[in-house]
């Protein structure tokens, strides 16, 4: 369930807004396995620079908490204690897991952080010959998957996985959560506009009177063209897709995002873009929509004005929620049929 075909961030002109003398600081760093880019504007260059540095530190801090690639992270400690004992965690990790469980409930299990128990069944690294796992192998692993089995005790501040072999992976909301924390470090007096991006996730901030950011949404089938363009202000956008990481077995392509209910790669959707108030939520729902597909996905999506979505199905057709459909501006030379599912 680790998604990400990348939004192509078309920051057209990086408009300075009404304050033409604003200082702009833009930096990029590879963190959490992706390129994190932070841009901020304000009158005081030193202040803006300091807040950008603090925003990057927030991304590093989140990574230390929830990365499964770090043995000392809180999430790794939860996984090591599966079937043994509850693990006390920080309020932030507890909150991230509870948020994930709520998306699991709303999406009928299409989003499930316990999918990590399926790890290793499907190899998308290209380092060894790809194969389709036997049905019995998948069935055995699925016995350790299930968001309802994750035990969270808020009063004690603990998380418990009741069976050995269960695992959690917050990869489908981790970058979004880090983006949110980074942007929080930038929303201070003296910063007029800010944009934080991490792979397929971004969140924007603009003060009243400032012009919006303009982004381009990449075609999930081709990196060299856009589906359309979109203006955003105080919102988050996340995009997930199946085409960047996949394997071909006997002429059939299998994408890397797994359906946690079946243990097999999700099918029927090339990519999904979600707009929400916070990046973690957009991140989680972009993954869920890849699993659910356009019809069921849009039906289960929380009602506007909270979240809007654009889904590109396997035939290249667009399916958009009503609130987003009217906001997408065609990119030059539109290349896919435009089908609104209202």
Protein backbone atom coordinates (compact mmCIF):
# COMPACT_ATOMS: atom_id res chain seq x y z
CA UNK A 1 0.00 0.00 0.00
CA UNK A 2 2.89 2.34 -0.40
CA UNK A 3 1.60 4.47 -3.18
CA UNK A 4 3.03 7.30 -5.16
CA UNK A 5 3.06 8.40 -8.70
CA UNK A 6 4.33 11.87 -8.30
CA UNK A 7 2.29 15.03 -8.73
CA UNK A 8 4.19 17.24 -11.11
CA UNK A 9 4.35 20.43 -9.12
CA UNK A 10 3.92 23.17 -11.67
CA UNK A 11 4.53 26.18 -9.52
CA UNK A 12 3.85 28.61 -12.30
CA UNK A 13 6.14 31.55 -11.88
CA UNK A 14 6.19 31.09 -8.09
CA UNK A 15 4.02 34.18 -7.88
CA UNK A 16 5.15 36.44 -5.08
CA UNK A 17 1.66 37.68 -4.28
CA UNK A 18 0.91 41.28 -3.49
CA UNK A 19 4.18 41.82 -1.60
CA UNK A 20 6.62 42.20 -4.46
CA UNK A 21 9.50 42.72 -2.03
CA UNK A 22 8.95 39.39 -0.28
CA UNK A 23 11.95 37.16 0.26
CA UNK A 24 11.58 33.60 -0.98
CA UNK A 25 13.47 30.62 0.41
CA UNK A 26 13.35 27.30 -1.40
CA UNK A 27 15.23 24.18 -0.33
CA UNK A 28 15.13 20.47 -1.16
CA UNK A 29 16.40 17.42 0.69
CA UNK A 30 15.97 13.66 0.30
CA UNK A 31 14.09 12.40 3.34
CA UNK A 32 11.70 9.50 3.98
CA UNK A 33 12.82 7.92 0.72
CA UNK A 34 11.68 10.82 -1.44
CA UNK A 35 12.52 14.40 -2.39
CA UNK A 36 11.10 16.88 0.12
CA UNK A 37 10.86 20.43 -1.21
CA UNK A 38 9.91 23.44 0.91
CA UNK A 39 9.29 26.95 -0.38
CA UNK A 40 8.29 29.88 1.81
CA UNK A 41 7.94 33.65 1.36
CA UNK A 42 7.92 36.59 3.75
CA UNK A 43 9.38 40.04 4.39
CA UNK A 44 12.17 38.89 6.72
CA UNK A 45 14.61 36.59 4.90
CA UNK A 46 16.30 35.36 8.09
CA UNK A 47 12.97 34.49 9.71
CA UNK A 48 11.76 32.65 6.62
CA UNK A 49 15.05 30.75 6.34
CA UNK A 50 14.88 29.73 10.00
CA UNK A 51 11.30 28.46 9.67
CA UNK A 52 12.21 26.44 6.57
CA UNK A 53 15.05 24.80 8.51
CA UNK A 54 12.63 24.00 11.35
CA UNK A 55 10.14 22.54 8.86
CA UNK A 56 12.78 20.13 7.56
CA UNK A 57 13.58 19.11 11.13
CA UNK A 58 9.90 18.28 11.63
CA UNK A 59 10.05 15.89 8.66
CA UNK A 60 13.12 14.19 10.15
CA UNK A 61 11.40 13.93 13.52
CA UNK A 62 8.32 12.25 12.04
CA UNK A 63 10.54 9.83 10.16
CA UNK A 64 12.30 8.89 13.41
CA UNK A 65 8.93 8.12 14.98
CA UNK A 66 7.19 6.03 12.35
CA UNK A 67 9.67 4.71 9.80
CA UNK A 68 9.71 0.92 9.55
CA UNK A 69 13.23 1.19 8.11
CA UNK A 70 14.52 2.38 11.49
CA UNK A 71 14.90 -0.24 14.19
CA UNK A 72 14.57 2.42 16.88
CA UNK A 73 11.27 3.90 15.63
CA UNK A 74 8.12 3.51 17.70
CA UNK A 75 6.43 1.65 14.86
CA UNK A 76 9.27 -0.88 14.70
CA UNK A 77 8.91 -1.45 18.44
CA UNK A 78 5.19 -2.15 18.00
CA UNK A 79 5.94 -4.68 15.27
CA UNK A 80 8.63 -6.47 17.29
CA UNK A 81 6.22 -6.86 20.20
CA UNK A 82 3.43 -8.42 18.09
CA UNK A 83 1.84 -11.27 20.00
CA UNK A 84 3.88 -10.42 23.10
CA UNK A 85 2.82 -7.21 24.83
CA UNK A 86 1.33 -3.74 24.30
CA UNK A 87 3.84 -0.99 23.50
CA UNK A 88 3.64 2.50 24.94
CA UNK A 89 3.97 5.14 22.24
CA UNK A 90 3.98 8.92 21.95
CA UNK A 91 0.68 10.80 21.53
CA UNK A 92 1.61 11.57 17.92
CA UNK A 93 2.07 7.94 16.92
CA UNK A 94 -1.12 7.01 18.75
CA UNK A 95 -2.96 9.74 16.86
CA UNK A 96 -1.54 8.65 13.49
CA UNK A 97 -2.68 5.07 14.10
CA UNK A 98 -6.14 6.16 15.25
CA UNK A 99 -6.52 8.35 12.17
CA UNK A 100 -5.54 5.38 10.00
CA UNK A 101 -8.12 3.18 11.68
CA UNK A 102 -10.83 5.75 11.01
CA UNK A 103 -10.00 5.77 7.29
CA UNK A 104 -10.06 1.96 7.40
CA UNK A 105 -13.56 2.09 8.84
CA UNK A 106 -14.82 4.62 6.31
CA UNK A 107 -13.25 2.79 3.35
CA UNK A 108 -14.54 -0.65 4.36
CA UNK A 109 -10.99 -1.87 4.90
CA UNK A 110 -9.57 -0.75 1.55
CA UNK A 111 -7.06 1.24 3.59
CA UNK A 112 -5.39 -0.90 6.24
CA UNK A 113 -2.03 -0.26 7.90
CA UNK A 114 -1.83 -3.92 8.96
CA UNK A 115 -1.33 -4.85 5.29
CA UNK A 116 2.39 -4.96 6.13
CA UNK A 117 2.00 -8.63 7.14
CA UNK A 118 1.86 -9.30 3.38
CA UNK A 119 5.39 -7.98 3.00
CA UNK A 120 7.67 -10.15 0.89
CA UNK A 121 4.92 -12.07 -0.87
CA UNK A 122 5.14 -9.83 -3.92
CA UNK A 123 8.55 -8.59 -5.01
CA UNK A 124 8.54 -5.32 -6.93
CA UNK A 125 12.26 -4.63 -6.52
CA UNK A 126 13.35 -6.41 -9.68
CA UNK A 127 16.17 -8.04 -7.73
CA UNK A 128 14.85 -11.57 -8.25
CA UNK A 129 12.49 -13.28 -10.70
CA UNK A 130 8.92 -12.12 -10.14
CA UNK A 131 6.21 -14.65 -9.42
CA UNK A 132 2.56 -14.71 -8.44
CA UNK A 133 2.27 -16.11 -4.89
CA UNK A 134 0.28 -19.29 -4.42
CA UNK A 135 -3.27 -18.82 -3.12
CA UNK A 136 -2.35 -20.74 0.05
CA UNK A 137 0.56 -18.37 0.71
CA UNK A 138 -1.69 -15.34 0.40
CA UNK A 139 -4.38 -16.91 2.57
CA UNK A 140 -1.87 -17.66 5.32
CA UNK A 141 -0.64 -14.07 5.40
CA UNK A 142 -4.15 -12.61 5.29
CA UNK A 143 -4.83 -14.27 8.64
CA UNK A 144 -2.49 -11.66 10.14
CA UNK A 145 -4.10 -8.71 8.36
CA UNK A 146 -7.09 -6.83 9.74
CA UNK A 147 -7.42 -3.28 11.01
CA UNK A 148 -10.10 -4.29 13.52
CA UNK A 149 -7.55 -6.45 15.35
CA UNK A 150 -5.24 -3.53 16.14
CA UNK A 151 -5.71 -2.73 19.82
CA UNK A 152 -5.30 0.92 20.80
CA UNK A 153 -5.62 1.89 24.46
CA UNK A 154 -5.78 5.67 24.55
CA UNK A 155 -5.86 5.91 28.34
CA UNK A 156 -2.72 3.79 28.66
CA UNK A 157 -1.13 5.22 25.52
CA UNK A 158 -0.41 1.76 24.10
CA UNK A 159 -0.77 -0.17 20.85
CA UNK A 160 -0.92 -3.96 20.72
CA UNK A 161 -0.85 -6.43 17.82
CA UNK A 162 -2.36 -9.60 19.31
CA UNK A 163 -0.75 -12.15 17.00
CA UNK A 164 2.88 -12.83 16.16
CA UNK A 165 3.57 -11.95 12.54
CA UNK A 166 1.23 -8.98 12.49
CA UNK A 167 2.88 -5.76 11.33
CA UNK A 168 1.94 -2.12 10.85
CA UNK A 169 3.18 0.23 8.15
CA UNK A 170 2.16 3.89 8.11
CA UNK A 171 3.75 4.48 4.71
CA UNK A 172 0.43 5.44 3.18
CA UNK A 173 0.03 8.42 5.52
CA UNK A 174 3.59 9.02 6.76
CA UNK A 175 4.65 11.50 4.10
CA UNK A 176 1.36 13.35 4.37
CA UNK A 177 1.67 13.55 8.14
CA UNK A 178 5.24 14.84 7.81
CA UNK A 179 4.08 17.46 5.30
CA UNK A 180 1.43 18.63 7.77
CA UNK A 181 3.96 18.96 10.59
CA UNK A 182 6.37 20.82 8.34
CA UNK A 183 3.70 23.27 7.24
CA UNK A 184 2.71 23.88 10.86
CA UNK A 185 6.26 25.09 11.47
CA UNK A 186 5.84 27.60 8.63
CA UNK A 187 2.45 29.06 9.62
CA UNK A 188 3.79 31.84 11.82
CA UNK A 189 3.65 35.64 11.64
CA UNK A 190 6.14 36.79 9.04
CA UNK A 191 5.58 33.93 6.60
CA UNK A 192 3.08 34.92 3.89
CA UNK A 193 3.06 31.86 1.64
CA UNK A 194 4.47 28.35 1.90
CA UNK A 195 4.41 25.09 0.00
CA UNK A 196 5.68 21.72 1.23
CA UNK A 197 5.96 18.73 -1.10
CA UNK A 198 7.09 15.16 -0.47
CA UNK A 199 6.82 12.75 -3.37
CA UNK A 200 3.13 12.66 -4.28
CA UNK A 201 2.00 14.79 -1.33
CA UNK A 202 1.82 18.53 -0.86
CA UNK A 203 0.22 21.16 1.31
CA UNK A 204 -0.05 24.88 0.63
CA UNK A 205 -0.47 27.93 2.85
CA UNK A 206 -1.36 31.46 1.78
CA UNK A 207 -2.39 34.42 3.89
CA UNK A 208 -5.49 36.43 2.90
CA UNK A 209 -4.76 38.59 -0.12
CA UNK A 210 -1.96 36.38 -1.43
CA UNK A 211 -2.33 34.63 -4.77
CA UNK A 212 -2.86 30.87 -4.84
CA UNK A 213 -0.32 28.26 -5.82
CA UNK A 214 -0.85 26.64 -9.20
CA UNK A 215 0.00 22.97 -9.64
CA UNK A 216 -0.16 20.47 -12.46
CA UNK A 217 -1.52 16.94 -12.02
CA UNK A 218 0.64 14.42 -13.84
CA UNK A 219 -0.91 11.88 -16.19
CA UNK A 220 -0.57 8.49 -14.44
CA UNK A 221 0.23 6.81 -17.74
CA UNK A 222 2.89 9.26 -18.96
CA UNK A 223 5.35 11.39 -17.05
CA UNK A 224 5.72 13.93 -19.84
CA UNK A 225 2.19 15.32 -19.81
CA UNK A 226 -0.40 16.73 -17.45
CA UNK A 227 -4.03 15.79 -16.93
CA UNK A 228 -4.81 19.35 -15.93
CA UNK A 229 -3.93 22.28 -13.73
CA UNK A 230 -5.34 23.37 -10.39
CA UNK A 231 -5.13 26.38 -8.09
CA UNK A 232 -4.89 25.74 -4.35
CA UNK A 233 -4.47 27.92 -1.29
CA UNK A 234 -4.86 26.46 2.19
CA UNK A 235 -5.28 22.85 1.12
CA UNK A 236 -3.41 19.60 0.68
CA UNK A 237 -3.15 17.38 -2.39
CA UNK A 238 -1.96 13.78 -2.64
CA UNK A 239 -1.66 11.50 -5.64
CA UNK A 240 -1.22 7.71 -5.81
CA UNK A 241 -0.67 5.47 -8.79
CA UNK A 242 0.27 1.99 -9.90
CA UNK A 243 2.52 2.62 -12.87
CA UNK A 244 5.86 3.60 -11.36
CA UNK A 245 6.47 0.34 -9.47
CA UNK A 246 5.21 -2.87 -11.02
CA UNK A 247 6.23 -6.27 -12.30
CA UNK A 248 5.20 -8.12 -15.44
CA UNK A 249 4.52 -11.83 -15.11
CA UNK A 250 3.55 -13.81 -18.19
CA UNK A 251 2.52 -10.66 -20.00
CA UNK A 252 0.39 -9.28 -17.17
CA UNK A 253 1.31 -6.18 -15.20
CA UNK A 254 0.93 -6.13 -11.40
CA UNK A 255 1.19 -2.81 -9.55
CA UNK A 256 2.81 -2.46 -6.13
CA UNK A 257 -0.23 -1.21 -4.22
CA UNK A 258 -1.93 -4.18 -2.61
CA UNK A 259 -5.57 -4.62 -1.73
CA UNK A 260 -5.34 -5.56 1.98
CA UNK A 261 -8.61 -7.47 1.71
CA UNK A 262 -7.37 -9.89 -0.95
CA UNK A 263 -3.58 -9.77 -0.65
CA UNK A 264 -3.32 -9.11 -4.37
CA UNK A 265 -2.37 -5.95 -6.31
CA UNK A 266 -5.23 -3.48 -6.74
CA UNK A 267 -6.62 -3.26 -10.27
CA UNK A 268 -8.82 -0.97 -12.32
CA UNK A 269 -7.29 2.42 -11.43
CA UNK A 270 -4.21 4.07 -12.90
CA UNK A 271 -4.11 6.96 -10.46
CA UNK A 272 -6.05 8.93 -7.86
CA UNK A 273 -5.65 12.54 -6.74
CA UNK A 274 -7.28 13.76 -3.54
CA UNK A 275 -7.69 17.29 -2.18
CA UNK A 276 -8.29 17.66 1.56
CA UNK A 277 -7.65 20.04 4.41
CA UNK A 278 -4.67 18.05 5.66
CA UNK A 279 -2.04 16.08 3.77
CA UNK A 280 -2.28 12.93 5.89
CA UNK A 281 -5.97 12.60 4.98
CA UNK A 282 -5.38 13.25 1.29
CA UNK A 283 -2.54 10.72 1.39
CA UNK A 284 -4.63 7.98 2.99
CA UNK A 285 -7.63 8.46 0.72
CA UNK A 286 -5.52 8.54 -2.46
CA UNK A 287 -4.37 5.03 -1.54
CA UNK A 288 -7.86 3.87 -0.57
CA UNK A 289 -9.31 5.07 -3.89
CA UNK A 290 -6.76 3.07 -5.84
CA UNK A 291 -8.06 -0.04 -4.11
CA UNK A 292 -11.77 0.86 -4.20
CA UNK A 293 -12.03 2.04 -7.80
CA UNK A 294 -14.00 5.07 -9.03
CA UNK A 295 -17.61 4.13 -8.36
CA UNK A 296 -17.28 2.65 -4.89
CA UNK A 297 -14.46 5.03 -3.97
CA UNK A 298 -16.36 8.23 -4.70
CA UNK A 299 -19.39 6.79 -2.93
CA UNK A 300 -17.41 6.09 0.26
CA UNK A 301 -15.39 9.30 0.20
CA UNK A 302 -16.32 11.63 3.09
CA UNK A 303 -18.84 14.19 1.88
CA UNK A 304 -17.70 17.58 0.62
CA UNK A 305 -16.60 20.16 1.57
CA UNK A 306 -14.08 17.94 3.33
CA UNK A 307 -12.52 15.94 0.50
CA UNK A 308 -12.56 16.03 -3.30
CA UNK A 309 -11.06 13.50 -5.71
CA UNK A 310 -10.09 12.78 -9.29
CA UNK A 311 -9.65 9.14 -10.34
CA UNK A 312 -8.25 7.90 -13.65
CA UNK A 313 -9.47 4.41 -14.42
CA UNK A 314 -7.66 1.67 -16.35
CA UNK A 315 -9.18 2.94 -19.62
CA UNK A 316 -7.86 6.44 -19.05
CA UNK A 317 -11.22 8.02 -18.20
CA UNK A 318 -11.50 10.71 -15.54
CA UNK A 319 -13.94 10.40 -12.65
CA UNK A 320 -14.24 13.48 -10.45
CA UNK A 321 -16.28 14.62 -7.49
CA UNK A 322 -18.51 17.61 -8.29
CA UNK A 323 -16.53 20.06 -6.20
CA UNK A 324 -13.29 19.26 -8.00
CA UNK A 325 -14.59 18.87 -11.55
CA UNK A 326 -15.15 22.58 -12.04
CA UNK A 327 -11.74 23.54 -10.63
CA UNK A 328 -9.56 21.55 -13.02
CA UNK A 329 -8.28 23.61 -15.91
CA UNK A 330 -7.26 21.72 -19.02
CA UNK A 331 -3.56 21.33 -19.63
CA UNK A 332 -2.33 22.21 -23.11
CA UNK A 333 -3.27 19.49 -25.61
CA UNK A 334 -5.63 17.37 -23.45
CA UNK A 335 -4.83 13.73 -24.00
CA UNK A 336 -7.42 11.64 -22.16
CA UNK A 337 -11.23 11.42 -22.37
CA UNK A 338 -12.87 13.53 -19.67
CA UNK A 339 -15.63 11.64 -17.84
CA UNK A 340 -17.18 13.21 -14.76
CA UNK A 341 -18.87 10.88 -12.29
CA UNK A 342 -21.09 13.30 -10.40
